[in-house]
Amino acid sequence: MVIKCRPISKGKSKGELIVSNELLSFLGGVNPNTGEVIDSNHELKGKFIKDKILFIPGGKGSTVGSYVIFQMKKNNVAPRAIICLNAEPIIATGAIISDIPMVDLPESTEGLVNGAKVEINGEKGEIRIL
C-alpha cells in the first residue's frame, strides 16, 4: 500500500513507526544525546525515537528545535525519517538541514500504527507500508 504525501525533505528510509497523537517539541522534549523523549507530559515519555520513523501531528516550541534535530543527527540518535500530519517550519527546517527524509499531509493514515514497517520517499512524497 502506498500513501501519497507532500515531500518536505529529500531522501529515502525504511524502518519501524513510532506514533504519537501529540505535538512534539524537540527543545526540552527530546534528549539530543540519546534520542529519548523526556517531556514528562508527552505520551512518548521514556521512548526512544532513534532509528525509528517518527509519525507526529507536528511540532511545537522554540525554533531552536531545528538545531536539536541537527544535534541528534550528529549524535547518531535521530529518527530515520519523519512524517507529520501538517509540518511546521521548526521540524521541516530541522529535517532539511539534517538530511532526514520527511513528508507531510498524508492522504490517509490507515495502517500507520506503532510498530508498522514503512518506507519513506521524501522525493516522491510517498509512504509505503511494507
N, C-alpha and C. Protein backbone atom coordinates (compact mmCIF):
# COMPACT_ATOMS: atom_id res chain seq x y z
N MET A 1 0.85 -1.18 0.00
CA MET A 1 0.00 0.00 0.00
C MET A 1 0.89 1.24 0.00
N VAL A 2 0.58 2.20 -0.87
CA VAL A 2 1.33 3.45 -0.96
C VAL A 2 0.41 4.61 -0.61
N ILE A 3 0.88 5.47 0.29
CA ILE A 3 0.13 6.67 0.70
C ILE A 3 0.86 7.88 0.14
N LYS A 4 0.17 8.68 -0.64
CA LYS A 4 0.74 9.89 -1.22
C LYS A 4 0.80 10.99 -0.15
N CYS A 5 1.86 11.79 -0.21
CA CYS A 5 2.09 12.86 0.76
C CYS A 5 2.72 14.04 0.04
N ARG A 6 2.93 15.11 0.79
CA ARG A 6 3.70 16.24 0.29
C ARG A 6 5.16 16.02 0.70
N PRO A 7 6.09 16.08 -0.26
CA PRO A 7 7.51 15.94 0.10
C PRO A 7 8.03 17.19 0.80
N ILE A 8 8.80 17.00 1.87
CA ILE A 8 9.37 18.12 2.62
C ILE A 8 10.90 18.08 2.55
N SER A 9 11.48 16.92 2.88
CA SER A 9 12.93 16.77 2.90
C SER A 9 13.30 15.52 2.11
N LYS A 10 14.23 15.66 1.18
CA LYS A 10 14.60 14.57 0.28
C LYS A 10 15.24 13.41 1.02
N GLY A 11 15.21 12.28 0.35
CA GLY A 11 15.83 11.08 0.87
C GLY A 11 14.84 9.96 1.01
N LYS A 12 15.38 8.77 1.22
CA LYS A 12 14.56 7.58 1.41
C LYS A 12 15.06 6.86 2.66
N SER A 13 14.11 6.27 3.37
CA SER A 13 14.47 5.48 4.54
C SER A 13 13.35 4.51 4.85
N LYS A 14 13.71 3.43 5.51
CA LYS A 14 12.68 2.50 5.96
C LYS A 14 12.96 2.08 7.38
N GLY A 15 11.89 1.70 8.05
CA GLY A 15 12.03 1.30 9.44
C GLY A 15 10.69 1.12 10.11
N GLU A 16 10.75 1.08 11.42
CA GLU A 16 9.56 0.85 12.26
C GLU A 16 8.98 2.18 12.71
N LEU A 17 7.66 2.28 12.61
CA LEU A 17 6.98 3.50 13.04
C LEU A 17 6.89 3.61 14.55
N ILE A 18 7.07 4.83 15.04
CA ILE A 18 6.71 5.19 16.40
C ILE A 18 5.74 6.36 16.24
N VAL A 19 4.55 6.21 16.79
CA VAL A 19 3.44 7.12 16.51
C VAL A 19 3.00 7.85 17.78
N SER A 20 2.73 9.14 17.61
CA SER A 20 2.16 9.95 18.69
C SER A 20 1.01 10.78 18.14
N ASN A 21 0.00 10.97 18.95
CA ASN A 21 -1.11 11.84 18.60
C ASN A 21 -0.90 13.25 19.13
N GLU A 22 0.26 13.49 19.75
CA GLU A 22 0.55 14.79 20.36
C GLU A 22 1.67 15.50 19.62
N LEU A 23 1.57 16.82 19.56
CA LEU A 23 2.66 17.64 19.02
C LEU A 23 3.91 17.39 19.85
N LEU A 24 5.08 17.54 19.23
CA LEU A 24 6.33 17.29 19.94
C LEU A 24 7.25 18.50 19.82
N SER A 25 7.78 18.93 20.97
CA SER A 25 8.81 19.96 21.00
C SER A 25 10.15 19.27 21.15
N PHE A 26 11.06 19.51 20.22
CA PHE A 26 12.38 18.90 20.33
C PHE A 26 13.23 19.61 21.37
N LEU A 27 13.08 20.92 21.53
CA LEU A 27 13.81 21.65 22.55
C LEU A 27 13.15 21.39 23.91
N GLY A 28 13.84 20.65 24.75
CA GLY A 28 13.31 20.31 26.07
C GLY A 28 12.41 19.10 26.07
N GLY A 29 12.06 18.59 24.90
CA GLY A 29 11.17 17.44 24.82
C GLY A 29 11.88 16.16 24.43
N VAL A 30 13.06 16.30 23.83
CA VAL A 30 13.84 15.14 23.39
C VAL A 30 15.30 15.35 23.79
N ASN A 31 15.91 14.33 24.34
CA ASN A 31 17.32 14.40 24.72
C ASN A 31 18.17 14.24 23.45
N PRO A 32 18.92 15.28 23.06
CA PRO A 32 19.70 15.21 21.82
C PRO A 32 20.90 14.28 21.88
N ASN A 33 21.22 13.79 23.07
CA ASN A 33 22.35 12.86 23.22
C ASN A 33 21.93 11.40 23.15
N THR A 34 20.62 11.14 23.40
CA THR A 34 20.16 9.75 23.45
C THR A 34 18.98 9.46 22.52
N GLY A 35 18.24 10.50 22.11
CA GLY A 35 17.04 10.28 21.30
C GLY A 35 15.82 9.88 22.12
N GLU A 36 15.91 10.04 23.44
CA GLU A 36 14.79 9.70 24.32
C GLU A 36 13.85 10.90 24.46
N VAL A 37 12.54 10.63 24.39
CA VAL A 37 11.56 11.68 24.66
C VAL A 37 11.55 11.89 26.17
N ILE A 38 11.83 13.13 26.59
CA ILE A 38 11.97 13.42 28.02
C ILE A 38 10.89 14.35 28.55
N ASP A 39 10.01 14.82 27.67
CA ASP A 39 8.90 15.68 28.09
C ASP A 39 7.98 14.85 28.99
N SER A 40 7.90 15.22 30.27
CA SER A 40 7.14 14.43 31.24
C SER A 40 5.65 14.39 30.97
N ASN A 41 5.15 15.30 30.14
CA ASN A 41 3.72 15.31 29.82
C ASN A 41 3.41 14.71 28.45
N HIS A 42 4.39 14.17 27.77
CA HIS A 42 4.18 13.64 26.42
C HIS A 42 3.91 12.13 26.48
N GLU A 43 3.04 11.66 25.61
CA GLU A 43 2.68 10.24 25.61
C GLU A 43 3.86 9.33 25.24
N LEU A 44 4.89 9.86 24.59
CA LEU A 44 6.06 9.04 24.25
C LEU A 44 7.16 9.13 25.30
N LYS A 45 6.90 9.75 26.46
CA LYS A 45 7.91 9.89 27.52
C LYS A 45 8.58 8.55 27.78
N GLY A 46 9.92 8.57 27.76
CA GLY A 46 10.69 7.35 28.03
C GLY A 46 10.95 6.50 26.80
N LYS A 47 10.35 6.83 25.68
CA LYS A 47 10.56 6.08 24.43
C LYS A 47 11.72 6.73 23.66
N PHE A 48 12.39 5.91 22.87
CA PHE A 48 13.50 6.38 22.05
C PHE A 48 13.05 6.47 20.59
N ILE A 49 13.35 7.61 19.96
CA ILE A 49 12.98 7.79 18.55
C ILE A 49 14.17 7.50 17.63
N LYS A 50 15.31 7.18 18.20
CA LYS A 50 16.50 6.82 17.43
C LYS A 50 16.17 5.66 16.49
N ASP A 51 16.52 5.83 15.21
CA ASP A 51 16.37 4.80 14.19
C ASP A 51 14.91 4.39 13.93
N LYS A 52 13.96 5.18 14.37
CA LYS A 52 12.54 4.93 14.10
C LYS A 52 12.06 5.88 13.02
N ILE A 53 10.91 5.58 12.45
CA ILE A 53 10.20 6.52 11.59
C ILE A 53 9.20 7.22 12.51
N LEU A 54 9.42 8.49 12.77
CA LEU A 54 8.61 9.24 13.71
C LEU A 54 7.38 9.81 13.01
N PHE A 55 6.19 9.48 13.52
CA PHE A 55 4.94 10.00 12.97
C PHE A 55 4.23 10.81 14.05
N ILE A 56 4.16 12.12 13.84
CA ILE A 56 3.55 13.04 14.79
C ILE A 56 2.63 14.00 14.04
N PRO A 57 1.69 14.63 14.75
CA PRO A 57 0.84 15.63 14.09
C PRO A 57 1.66 16.82 13.59
N GLY A 58 2.68 17.20 14.36
CA GLY A 58 3.52 18.34 14.02
C GLY A 58 4.40 18.68 15.20
N GLY A 59 5.09 19.79 15.09
CA GLY A 59 5.98 20.23 16.16
C GLY A 59 5.42 21.43 16.88
N LYS A 60 6.11 21.78 17.94
CA LYS A 60 5.76 22.98 18.70
C LYS A 60 7.01 23.47 19.39
N GLY A 61 6.94 24.68 19.90
CA GLY A 61 8.03 25.19 20.70
C GLY A 61 8.98 26.08 19.93
N SER A 62 10.15 26.23 20.50
CA SER A 62 11.16 27.16 20.02
C SER A 62 11.77 26.74 18.69
N THR A 63 12.20 27.75 17.93
CA THR A 63 12.90 27.48 16.68
C THR A 63 14.22 26.77 16.90
N VAL A 64 14.72 26.79 18.12
CA VAL A 64 15.95 26.06 18.44
C VAL A 64 15.74 24.56 18.26
N GLY A 65 14.49 24.12 18.22
CA GLY A 65 14.18 22.71 17.98
C GLY A 65 14.80 22.19 16.70
N SER A 66 14.92 23.05 15.68
CA SER A 66 15.57 22.65 14.42
C SER A 66 17.01 22.21 14.68
N TYR A 67 17.70 22.94 15.53
CA TYR A 67 19.09 22.62 15.83
C TYR A 67 19.21 21.42 16.76
N VAL A 68 18.18 21.16 17.56
CA VAL A 68 18.18 19.95 18.38
C VAL A 68 18.11 18.73 17.46
N ILE A 69 17.27 18.79 16.43
CA ILE A 69 17.19 17.70 15.45
C ILE A 69 18.56 17.51 14.79
N PHE A 70 19.20 18.62 14.40
CA PHE A 70 20.53 18.56 13.80
C PHE A 70 21.53 17.92 14.75
N GLN A 71 21.49 18.29 16.01
CA GLN A 71 22.40 17.71 17.01
C GLN A 71 22.13 16.22 17.17
N MET A 72 20.86 15.82 17.14
CA MET A 72 20.53 14.39 17.23
C MET A 72 21.15 13.64 16.06
N LYS A 73 21.08 14.22 14.87
CA LYS A 73 21.66 13.57 13.69
C LYS A 73 23.18 13.44 13.87
N LYS A 74 23.84 14.49 14.33
CA LYS A 74 25.29 14.43 14.56
C LYS A 74 25.64 13.38 15.61
N ASN A 75 24.76 13.17 16.58
CA ASN A 75 24.99 12.20 17.65
C ASN A 75 24.50 10.80 17.30
N ASN A 76 24.02 10.62 16.07
CA ASN A 76 23.51 9.31 15.61
C ASN A 76 22.35 8.79 16.45
N VAL A 77 21.47 9.70 16.89
CA VAL A 77 20.29 9.29 17.67
C VAL A 77 19.00 9.85 17.07
N ALA A 78 19.06 10.32 15.84
CA ALA A 78 17.89 10.93 15.18
C ALA A 78 16.96 9.85 14.63
N PRO A 79 15.71 10.22 14.38
CA PRO A 79 14.83 9.28 13.68
C PRO A 79 15.32 9.08 12.24
N ARG A 80 14.99 7.94 11.65
CA ARG A 80 15.38 7.65 10.26
C ARG A 80 14.63 8.55 9.29
N ALA A 81 13.37 8.89 9.64
CA ALA A 81 12.53 9.75 8.81
C ALA A 81 11.44 10.31 9.70
N ILE A 82 10.75 11.35 9.19
CA ILE A 82 9.67 11.99 9.95
C ILE A 82 8.45 12.13 9.04
N ILE A 83 7.30 11.79 9.60
CA ILE A 83 6.00 12.01 8.96
C ILE A 83 5.23 12.94 9.86
N CYS A 84 4.67 14.01 9.31
CA CYS A 84 3.80 14.91 10.07
C CYS A 84 2.44 14.98 9.37
N LEU A 85 1.41 15.17 10.17
CA LEU A 85 0.11 15.45 9.56
C LEU A 85 0.17 16.79 8.87
N ASN A 86 0.80 17.77 9.54
CA ASN A 86 0.96 19.10 8.96
C ASN A 86 2.26 19.69 9.50
N ALA A 87 3.29 19.67 8.68
CA ALA A 87 4.60 20.14 9.11
C ALA A 87 4.60 21.64 9.32
N GLU A 88 5.35 22.07 10.32
CA GLU A 88 5.57 23.49 10.54
C GLU A 88 7.06 23.75 10.36
N PRO A 89 7.47 25.00 10.29
CA PRO A 89 8.85 25.32 9.92
C PRO A 89 9.94 24.75 10.84
N ILE A 90 9.66 24.58 12.11
CA ILE A 90 10.70 24.11 13.03
C ILE A 90 11.18 22.72 12.66
N ILE A 91 10.24 21.78 12.54
CA ILE A 91 10.62 20.41 12.24
C ILE A 91 11.06 20.28 10.78
N ALA A 92 10.39 20.98 9.87
CA ALA A 92 10.79 20.92 8.46
C ALA A 92 12.23 21.39 8.29
N THR A 93 12.59 22.51 8.91
CA THR A 93 13.96 23.02 8.82
C THR A 93 14.94 22.03 9.44
N GLY A 94 14.60 21.49 10.58
CA GLY A 94 15.47 20.51 11.24
C GLY A 94 15.72 19.29 10.37
N ALA A 95 14.67 18.79 9.72
CA ALA A 95 14.81 17.63 8.84
C ALA A 95 15.68 17.97 7.63
N ILE A 96 15.44 19.13 7.05
CA ILE A 96 16.19 19.52 5.85
C ILE A 96 17.68 19.68 6.14
N ILE A 97 18.02 20.43 7.20
CA ILE A 97 19.45 20.65 7.49
C ILE A 97 20.13 19.39 8.00
N SER A 98 19.36 18.40 8.43
CA SER A 98 19.91 17.16 8.96
C SER A 98 19.88 16.01 7.96
N ASP A 99 19.37 16.28 6.76
CA ASP A 99 19.23 15.23 5.74
C ASP A 99 18.40 14.06 6.23
N ILE A 100 17.29 14.36 6.90
CA ILE A 100 16.35 13.35 7.36
C ILE A 100 15.15 13.40 6.42
N PRO A 101 14.81 12.31 5.74
CA PRO A 101 13.64 12.32 4.86
C PRO A 101 12.38 12.70 5.65
N MET A 102 11.54 13.55 5.03
CA MET A 102 10.32 13.98 5.72
C MET A 102 9.21 14.22 4.70
N VAL A 103 8.00 13.83 5.10
CA VAL A 103 6.79 14.08 4.32
C VAL A 103 5.71 14.56 5.27
N ASP A 104 4.69 15.22 4.69
CA ASP A 104 3.52 15.58 5.49
C ASP A 104 2.27 15.51 4.63
N LEU A 105 1.14 15.84 5.22
CA LEU A 105 -0.16 15.81 4.57
C LEU A 105 -0.47 14.46 3.92
N PRO A 106 -0.32 13.35 4.67
CA PRO A 106 -0.64 12.05 4.06
C PRO A 106 -2.13 12.00 3.68
N GLU A 107 -2.41 11.42 2.52
CA GLU A 107 -3.80 11.34 2.05
C GLU A 107 -4.62 10.36 2.88
N SER A 108 -3.94 9.50 3.65
CA SER A 108 -4.60 8.55 4.54
C SER A 108 -3.63 8.21 5.67
N THR A 109 -4.17 7.81 6.81
CA THR A 109 -3.31 7.35 7.91
C THR A 109 -3.58 5.88 8.20
N GLU A 110 -4.36 5.25 7.36
CA GLU A 110 -4.68 3.83 7.54
C GLU A 110 -3.39 3.01 7.51
N GLY A 111 -3.20 2.18 8.52
CA GLY A 111 -2.03 1.33 8.60
C GLY A 111 -0.81 1.97 9.24
N LEU A 112 -0.89 3.27 9.53
CA LEU A 112 0.25 3.97 10.15
C LEU A 112 0.12 3.88 11.67
N VAL A 113 0.50 2.72 12.19
CA VAL A 113 0.36 2.42 13.62
C VAL A 113 1.71 2.05 14.20
N ASN A 114 1.83 2.16 15.52
CA ASN A 114 3.07 1.79 16.19
C ASN A 114 3.53 0.41 15.76
N GLY A 115 4.81 0.32 15.41
CA GLY A 115 5.39 -0.97 15.06
C GLY A 115 5.29 -1.34 13.60
N ALA A 116 4.47 -0.64 12.83
CA ALA A 116 4.36 -0.95 11.40
C ALA A 116 5.68 -0.66 10.70
N LYS A 117 6.01 -1.46 9.72
CA LYS A 117 7.22 -1.25 8.92
C LYS A 117 6.83 -0.43 7.69
N VAL A 118 7.55 0.67 7.47
CA VAL A 118 7.24 1.56 6.36
C VAL A 118 8.52 2.01 5.66
N GLU A 119 8.34 2.50 4.45
CA GLU A 119 9.42 3.12 3.70
C GLU A 119 8.97 4.52 3.31
N ILE A 120 9.80 5.50 3.57
CA ILE A 120 9.50 6.90 3.27
C ILE A 120 10.32 7.32 2.06
N ASN A 121 9.67 7.96 1.10
CA ASN A 121 10.37 8.52 -0.04
C ASN A 121 10.09 10.03 -0.02
N GLY A 122 11.07 10.78 0.46
CA GLY A 122 10.91 12.22 0.59
C GLY A 122 11.02 12.97 -0.73
N GLU A 123 11.42 12.29 -1.78
CA GLU A 123 11.49 12.92 -3.10
C GLU A 123 10.16 12.82 -3.83
N LYS A 124 9.56 11.63 -3.77
CA LYS A 124 8.27 11.42 -4.43
C LYS A 124 7.08 11.80 -3.55
N GLY A 125 7.32 11.92 -2.25
CA GLY A 125 6.22 12.18 -1.33
C GLY A 125 5.35 10.95 -1.15
N GLU A 126 5.98 9.86 -0.71
CA GLU A 126 5.25 8.59 -0.55
C GLU A 126 5.64 7.89 0.76
N ILE A 127 4.65 7.23 1.32
CA ILE A 127 4.85 6.30 2.42
C ILE A 127 4.40 4.95 1.89
N ARG A 128 5.27 3.98 1.95
CA ARG A 128 4.93 2.61 1.52
C ARG A 128 4.86 1.74 2.76
N ILE A 129 3.73 1.11 2.99
CA ILE A 129 3.60 0.19 4.12
C ILE A 129 4.14 -1.16 3.65
N LEU A 130 5.12 -1.68 4.37
CA LEU A 130 5.80 -2.92 3.97
C LEU A 130 5.15 -4.15 4.58
